PDB file of all heavy atoms in Angstrom:
ATOM      1  N   LYS A   1       9.464   1.517-269.554  1.00  0.00           N
ATOM      2  CA  LYS A   1      10.076   0.434-270.298  1.00  0.00           C
ATOM      3  C   LYS A   1       8.963  -0.536-270.775  1.00  0.00           C
ATOM      4  O   LYS A   1       9.003  -0.986-271.917  1.00  0.00           O
ATOM      5  CB  LYS A   1      11.061  -0.367-269.388  1.00  0.00           C
ATOM      6  CG  LYS A   1      11.791  -1.460-270.090  1.00  0.00           C
ATOM      7  CD  LYS A   1      12.709  -2.228-269.167  1.00  0.00           C
ATOM      8  CE  LYS A   1      13.948  -1.456-268.845  1.00  0.00           C
ATOM      9  NZ  LYS A   1      14.969  -2.222-268.191  1.00  0.00           N
ATOM     10  N   LYS A   2       8.003  -0.794-269.940  1.00  0.00           N
ATOM     11  CA  LYS A   2       6.863  -1.632-270.296  1.00  0.00           C
ATOM     12  C   LYS A   2       6.037  -1.040-271.412  1.00  0.00           C
ATOM     13  O   LYS A   2       5.690  -1.709-272.380  1.00  0.00           O
ATOM     14  CB  LYS A   2       5.973  -1.918-269.055  1.00  0.00           C
ATOM     15  CG  LYS A   2       4.844  -2.881-269.342  1.00  0.00           C
ATOM     16  CD  LYS A   2       3.981  -3.052-268.125  1.00  0.00           C
ATOM     17  CE  LYS A   2       3.141  -1.846-268.005  1.00  0.00           C
ATOM     18  NZ  LYS A   2       2.088  -1.893-267.061  1.00  0.00           N
ATOM     19  N   ASN A   3       5.747   0.254-271.296  1.00  0.00           N
ATOM     20  CA  ASN A   3       4.957   0.961-272.318  1.00  0.00           C
ATOM     21  C   ASN A   3       5.646   0.948-273.676  1.00  0.00           C
ATOM     22  O   ASN A   3       5.043   0.722-274.727  1.00  0.00           O
ATOM     23  CB  ASN A   3       4.657   2.393-271.901  1.00  0.00           C
ATOM     24  CG  ASN A   3       3.773   2.484-270.725  1.00  0.00           C
ATOM     25  OD1 ASN A   3       3.027   1.541-270.406  1.00  0.00           O
ATOM     26  ND2 ASN A   3       3.774   3.548-269.993  1.00  0.00           N
ATOM     27  N   LYS A   4       6.957   1.146-273.678  1.00  0.00           N
ATOM     28  CA  LYS A   4       7.700   1.160-274.944  1.00  0.00           C
ATOM     29  C   LYS A   4       7.752  -0.250-275.514  1.00  0.00           C
ATOM     30  O   LYS A   4       7.681  -0.409-276.747  1.00  0.00           O
ATOM     31  CB  LYS A   4       9.128   1.676-274.732  1.00  0.00           C
ATOM     32  CG  LYS A   4       9.156   3.154-274.421  1.00  0.00           C
ATOM     33  CD  LYS A   4      10.534   3.644-274.091  1.00  0.00           C
ATOM     34  CE  LYS A   4      10.554   5.098-273.750  1.00  0.00           C
ATOM     35  NZ  LYS A   4      11.876   5.600-273.346  1.00  0.00           N
ATOM     36  N   SER A   5       7.874  -1.241-274.681  1.00  0.00           N
ATOM     37  CA  SER A   5       7.890  -2.630-275.158  1.00  0.00           C
ATOM     38  C   SER A   5       6.566  -3.017-275.743  1.00  0.00           C
ATOM     39  O   SER A   5       6.470  -3.689-276.811  1.00  0.00           O
ATOM     40  CB  SER A   5       8.241  -3.570-274.013  1.00  0.00           C
ATOM     41  OG  SER A   5       9.548  -3.370-273.588  1.00  0.00           O
ATOM     42  N   ILE A   6       5.443  -2.561-275.137  1.00  0.00           N
ATOM     43  CA  ILE A   6       4.099  -2.803-275.664  1.00  0.00           C
ATOM     44  C   ILE A   6       3.947  -2.162-277.029  1.00  0.00           C
ATOM     45  O   ILE A   6       3.409  -2.720-277.951  1.00  0.00           O
ATOM     46  CB  ILE A   6       3.043  -2.349-274.662  1.00  0.00           C
ATOM     47  CG1 ILE A   6       3.049  -3.336-273.465  1.00  0.00           C
ATOM     48  CG2 ILE A   6       1.662  -2.308-275.304  1.00  0.00           C
ATOM     49  CD1 ILE A   6       2.179  -2.832-272.321  1.00  0.00           C
ATOM     50  N   GLN A   7       4.414  -0.912-277.143  1.00  0.00           N
ATOM     51  CA  GLN A   7       4.337  -0.187-278.429  1.00  0.00           C
ATOM     52  C   GLN A   7       5.116  -0.940-279.476  1.00  0.00           C
ATOM     53  O   GLN A   7       4.633  -1.080-280.622  1.00  0.00           O
ATOM     54  CB  GLN A   7       4.886   1.238-278.280  1.00  0.00           C
ATOM     55  CG  GLN A   7       4.010   2.149-277.486  1.00  0.00           C
ATOM     56  CD  GLN A   7       2.739   2.507-278.245  1.00  0.00           C
ATOM     57  OE1 GLN A   7       2.730   2.684-279.497  1.00  0.00           O
ATOM     58  NE2 GLN A   7       1.680   2.636-277.497  1.00  0.00           N
ATOM     59  N   ASN A   8       6.279  -1.469-279.153  1.00  0.00           N
ATOM     60  CA  ASN A   8       7.075  -2.206-280.119  1.00  0.00           C
ATOM     61  C   ASN A   8       6.397  -3.534-280.509  1.00  0.00           C
ATOM     62  O   ASN A   8       6.394  -3.930-281.705  1.00  0.00           O
ATOM     63  CB  ASN A   8       8.487  -2.505-279.616  1.00  0.00           C
ATOM     64  CG  ASN A   8       9.375  -1.279-279.677  1.00  0.00           C
ATOM     65  OD1 ASN A   8       9.050  -0.310-280.290  1.00  0.00           O
ATOM     66  ND2 ASN A   8      10.507  -1.388-279.041  1.00  0.00           N
ATOM     67  N   LEU A   9       5.797  -4.208-279.539  1.00  0.00           N
ATOM     68  CA  LEU A   9       5.064  -5.428-279.819  1.00  0.00           C
ATOM     69  C   LEU A   9       3.868  -5.216-280.727  1.00  0.00           C
ATOM     70  O   LEU A   9       3.676  -5.952-281.673  1.00  0.00           O
ATOM     71  CB  LEU A   9       4.637  -6.080-278.550  1.00  0.00           C
ATOM     72  CG  LEU A   9       3.782  -7.355-278.687  1.00  0.00           C
ATOM     73  CD1 LEU A   9       4.607  -8.452-279.317  1.00  0.00           C
ATOM     74  CD2 LEU A   9       3.240  -7.800-277.334  1.00  0.00           C
ATOM     75  N   LEU A  10       3.196  -4.101-280.498  1.00  0.00           N
ATOM     76  CA  LEU A  10       2.014  -3.784-281.395  1.00  0.00           C
ATOM     77  C   LEU A  10       2.497  -3.498-282.807  1.00  0.00           C
ATOM     78  O   LEU A  10       1.873  -3.861-283.752  1.00  0.00           O
ATOM     79  CB  LEU A  10       1.232  -2.602-280.768  1.00  0.00           C
ATOM     80  CG  LEU A  10       0.398  -2.942-279.557  1.00  0.00           C
ATOM     81  CD1 LEU A  10      -0.133  -1.663-278.961  1.00  0.00           C
ATOM     82  CD2 LEU A  10      -0.811  -3.853-279.981  1.00  0.00           C
ATOM     83  N   SER A  11       3.623  -2.806-282.936  1.00  0.00           N
ATOM     84  CA  SER A  11       4.162  -2.550-284.281  1.00  0.00           C
ATOM     85  C   SER A  11       4.510  -3.838-284.994  1.00  0.00           C
ATOM     86  O   SER A  11       4.174  -3.987-286.203  1.00  0.00           O
ATOM     87  CB  SER A  11       5.396  -1.633-284.176  1.00  0.00           C
ATOM     88  OG  SER A  11       5.122  -0.399-283.708  1.00  0.00           O
ATOM     89  N   ILE A  12       5.108  -4.732-284.282  1.00  0.00           N
ATOM     90  CA  ILE A  12       5.477  -6.067-284.918  1.00  0.00           C
ATOM     91  C   ILE A  12       4.204  -6.813-285.314  1.00  0.00           C
ATOM     92  O   ILE A  12       4.150  -7.374-286.397  1.00  0.00           O
ATOM     93  CB  ILE A  12       6.314  -6.859-283.955  1.00  0.00           C
ATOM     94  CG1 ILE A  12       7.715  -6.187-283.801  1.00  0.00           C
ATOM     95  CG2 ILE A  12       6.501  -8.297-284.418  1.00  0.00           C
ATOM     96  CD1 ILE A  12       8.567  -6.716-282.677  1.00  0.00           C
ATOM     97  N   LEU A  13       3.180  -6.761-284.461  1.00  0.00           N
ATOM     98  CA  LEU A  13       1.941  -7.493-284.794  1.00  0.00           C
ATOM     99  C   LEU A  13       1.276  -6.888-286.017  1.00  0.00           C
ATOM    100  O   LEU A  13       0.732  -7.549-286.870  1.00  0.00           O
ATOM    101  CB  LEU A  13       1.000  -7.479-283.596  1.00  0.00           C
ATOM    102  CG  LEU A  13       1.346  -8.391-282.429  1.00  0.00           C
ATOM    103  CD1 LEU A  13       0.453  -8.160-281.248  1.00  0.00           C
ATOM    104  CD2 LEU A  13       1.310  -9.856-282.878  1.00  0.00           C
ATOM    105  N   ILE A  14       1.260  -5.502-286.058  1.00  0.00           N
ATOM    106  CA  ILE A  14       0.617  -4.857-287.205  1.00  0.00           C
ATOM    107  C   ILE A  14       1.349  -5.209-288.472  1.00  0.00           C
ATOM    108  O   ILE A  14       0.709  -5.519-289.506  1.00  0.00           O
ATOM    109  CB  ILE A  14       0.582  -3.315-286.967  1.00  0.00           C
ATOM    110  CG1 ILE A  14      -0.373  -2.968-285.851  1.00  0.00           C
ATOM    111  CG2 ILE A  14       0.251  -2.563-288.225  1.00  0.00           C
ATOM    112  CD1 ILE A  14      -0.268  -1.564-285.311  1.00  0.00           C
ATOM    113  N   VAL A  15       2.669  -5.179-288.498  1.00  0.00           N
ATOM    114  CA  VAL A  15       3.424  -5.533-289.703  1.00  0.00           C
ATOM    115  C   VAL A  15       3.222  -6.978-290.046  1.00  0.00           C
ATOM    116  O   VAL A  15       3.095  -7.338-291.247  1.00  0.00           O
ATOM    117  CB  VAL A  15       4.920  -5.179-289.538  1.00  0.00           C
ATOM    118  CG1 VAL A  15       5.761  -5.803-290.621  1.00  0.00           C
ATOM    119  CG2 VAL A  15       5.105  -3.670-289.437  1.00  0.00           C
ATOM    120  N   SER A  16       3.109  -7.866-289.098  1.00  0.00           N
ATOM    121  CA  SER A  16       2.888  -9.263-289.339  1.00  0.00           C
ATOM    122  C   SER A  16       1.496  -9.496-290.003  1.00  0.00           C
ATOM    123  O   SER A  16       1.389 -10.249-290.960  1.00  0.00           O
ATOM    124  CB  SER A  16       2.946 -10.085-288.035  1.00  0.00           C
ATOM    125  OG  SER A  16       4.184  -9.997-287.461  1.00  0.00           O
ATOM    126  N   PHE A  17       0.470  -8.848-289.434  1.00  0.00           N
ATOM    127  CA  PHE A  17      -0.823  -8.986-290.044  1.00  0.00           C
ATOM    128  C   PHE A  17      -0.911  -8.386-291.415  1.00  0.00           C
ATOM    129  O   PHE A  17      -1.523  -8.943-292.332  1.00  0.00           O
ATOM    130  CB  PHE A  17      -1.938  -8.394-289.141  1.00  0.00           C
ATOM    131  CG  PHE A  17      -2.406  -9.337-288.141  1.00  0.00           C
ATOM    132  CD1 PHE A  17      -1.959  -9.293-286.807  1.00  0.00           C
ATOM    133  CD2 PHE A  17      -3.348 -10.313-288.413  1.00  0.00           C
ATOM    134  CE1 PHE A  17      -2.401 -10.178-285.844  1.00  0.00           C
ATOM    135  CE2 PHE A  17      -3.788 -11.234-287.471  1.00  0.00           C
ATOM    136  CZ  PHE A  17      -3.312 -11.153-286.168  1.00  0.00           C
ATOM    137  N   LEU A  18      -0.196  -7.302-291.648  1.00  0.00           N
ATOM    138  CA  LEU A  18      -0.110  -6.703-292.989  1.00  0.00           C
ATOM    139  C   LEU A  18       0.560  -7.675-293.963  1.00  0.00           C
ATOM    140  O   LEU A  18       0.069  -7.913-295.051  1.00  0.00           O
ATOM    141  CB  LEU A  18       0.611  -5.372-292.925  1.00  0.00           C
ATOM    142  CG  LEU A  18       0.835  -4.669-294.265  1.00  0.00           C
ATOM    143  CD1 LEU A  18      -0.509  -4.287-294.878  1.00  0.00           C
ATOM    144  CD2 LEU A  18       1.691  -3.478-294.105  1.00  0.00           C
ATOM    145  N   GLY A  19       1.667  -8.262-293.525  1.00  0.00           N
ATOM    146  CA  GLY A  19       2.373  -9.240-294.385  1.00  0.00           C
ATOM    147  C   GLY A  19       1.549 -10.414-294.698  1.00  0.00           C
ATOM    148  O   GLY A  19       1.500 -10.884-295.842  1.00  0.00           O
ATOM    149  N   LEU A  20       0.838 -10.990-293.699  1.00  0.00           N
ATOM    150  CA  LEU A  20      -0.034 -12.113-293.935  1.00  0.00           C
ATOM    151  C   LEU A  20      -1.207 -11.744-294.867  1.00  0.00           C
ATOM    152  O   LEU A  20      -1.613 -12.573-295.683  1.00  0.00           O
ATOM    153  CB  LEU A  20      -0.555 -12.669-292.594  1.00  0.00           C
ATOM    154  CG  LEU A  20       0.434 -13.442-291.748  1.00  0.00           C
ATOM    155  CD1 LEU A  20      -0.168 -13.756-290.411  1.00  0.00           C
ATOM    156  CD2 LEU A  20       0.850 -14.721-292.464  1.00  0.00           C
ATOM    157  N   SER A  21      -1.761 -10.542-294.703  1.00  0.00           N
ATOM    158  CA  SER A  21      -2.824 -10.099-295.594  1.00  0.00           C
ATOM    159  C   SER A  21      -2.375  -9.997-297.051  1.00  0.00           C
ATOM    160  O   SER A  21      -3.081 -10.455-297.947  1.00  0.00           O
ATOM    161  CB  SER A  21      -3.361  -8.770-295.096  1.00  0.00           C
ATOM    162  OG  SER A  21      -3.902  -8.891-293.860  1.00  0.00           O
ATOM    163  N   VAL A  22      -1.189  -9.420-297.230  1.00  0.00           N
ATOM    164  CA  VAL A  22      -0.668  -9.328-298.616  1.00  0.00           C
ATOM    165  C   VAL A  22      -0.345 -10.701-299.183  1.00  0.00           C
ATOM    166  O   VAL A  22      -0.677 -10.996-300.348  1.00  0.00           O
ATOM    167  CB  VAL A  22       0.609  -8.411-298.652  1.00  0.00           C
ATOM    168  CG1 VAL A  22       1.282  -8.511-299.929  1.00  0.00           C
ATOM    169  CG2 VAL A  22       0.235  -6.998-298.297  1.00  0.00           C
ATOM    170  N   ALA A  23       0.252 -11.568-298.379  1.00  0.00           N
ATOM    171  CA  ALA A  23       0.545 -12.920-298.860  1.00  0.00           C
ATOM    172  C   ALA A  23      -0.717 -13.679-299.185  1.00  0.00           C
ATOM    173  O   ALA A  23      -0.809 -14.363-300.185  1.00  0.00           O
ATOM    174  CB  ALA A  23       1.326 -13.685-297.773  1.00  0.00           C
ATOM    175  N   GLY A  24      -1.765 -13.528-298.373  1.00  0.00           N
ATOM    176  CA  GLY A  24      -3.010 -14.144-298.657  1.00  0.00           C
ATOM    177  C   GLY A  24      -3.669 -13.613-299.883  1.00  0.00           C
ATOM    178  O   GLY A  24      -4.248 -14.356-300.703  1.00  0.00           O
TER     179      GLY A  24
END
């Protein structure tokens, strides 16, 4: 459960940084 949650958190962070990069 912890490993899957970490994988999901990393996915959200990657998409967030991608979105901020495109916006910038």
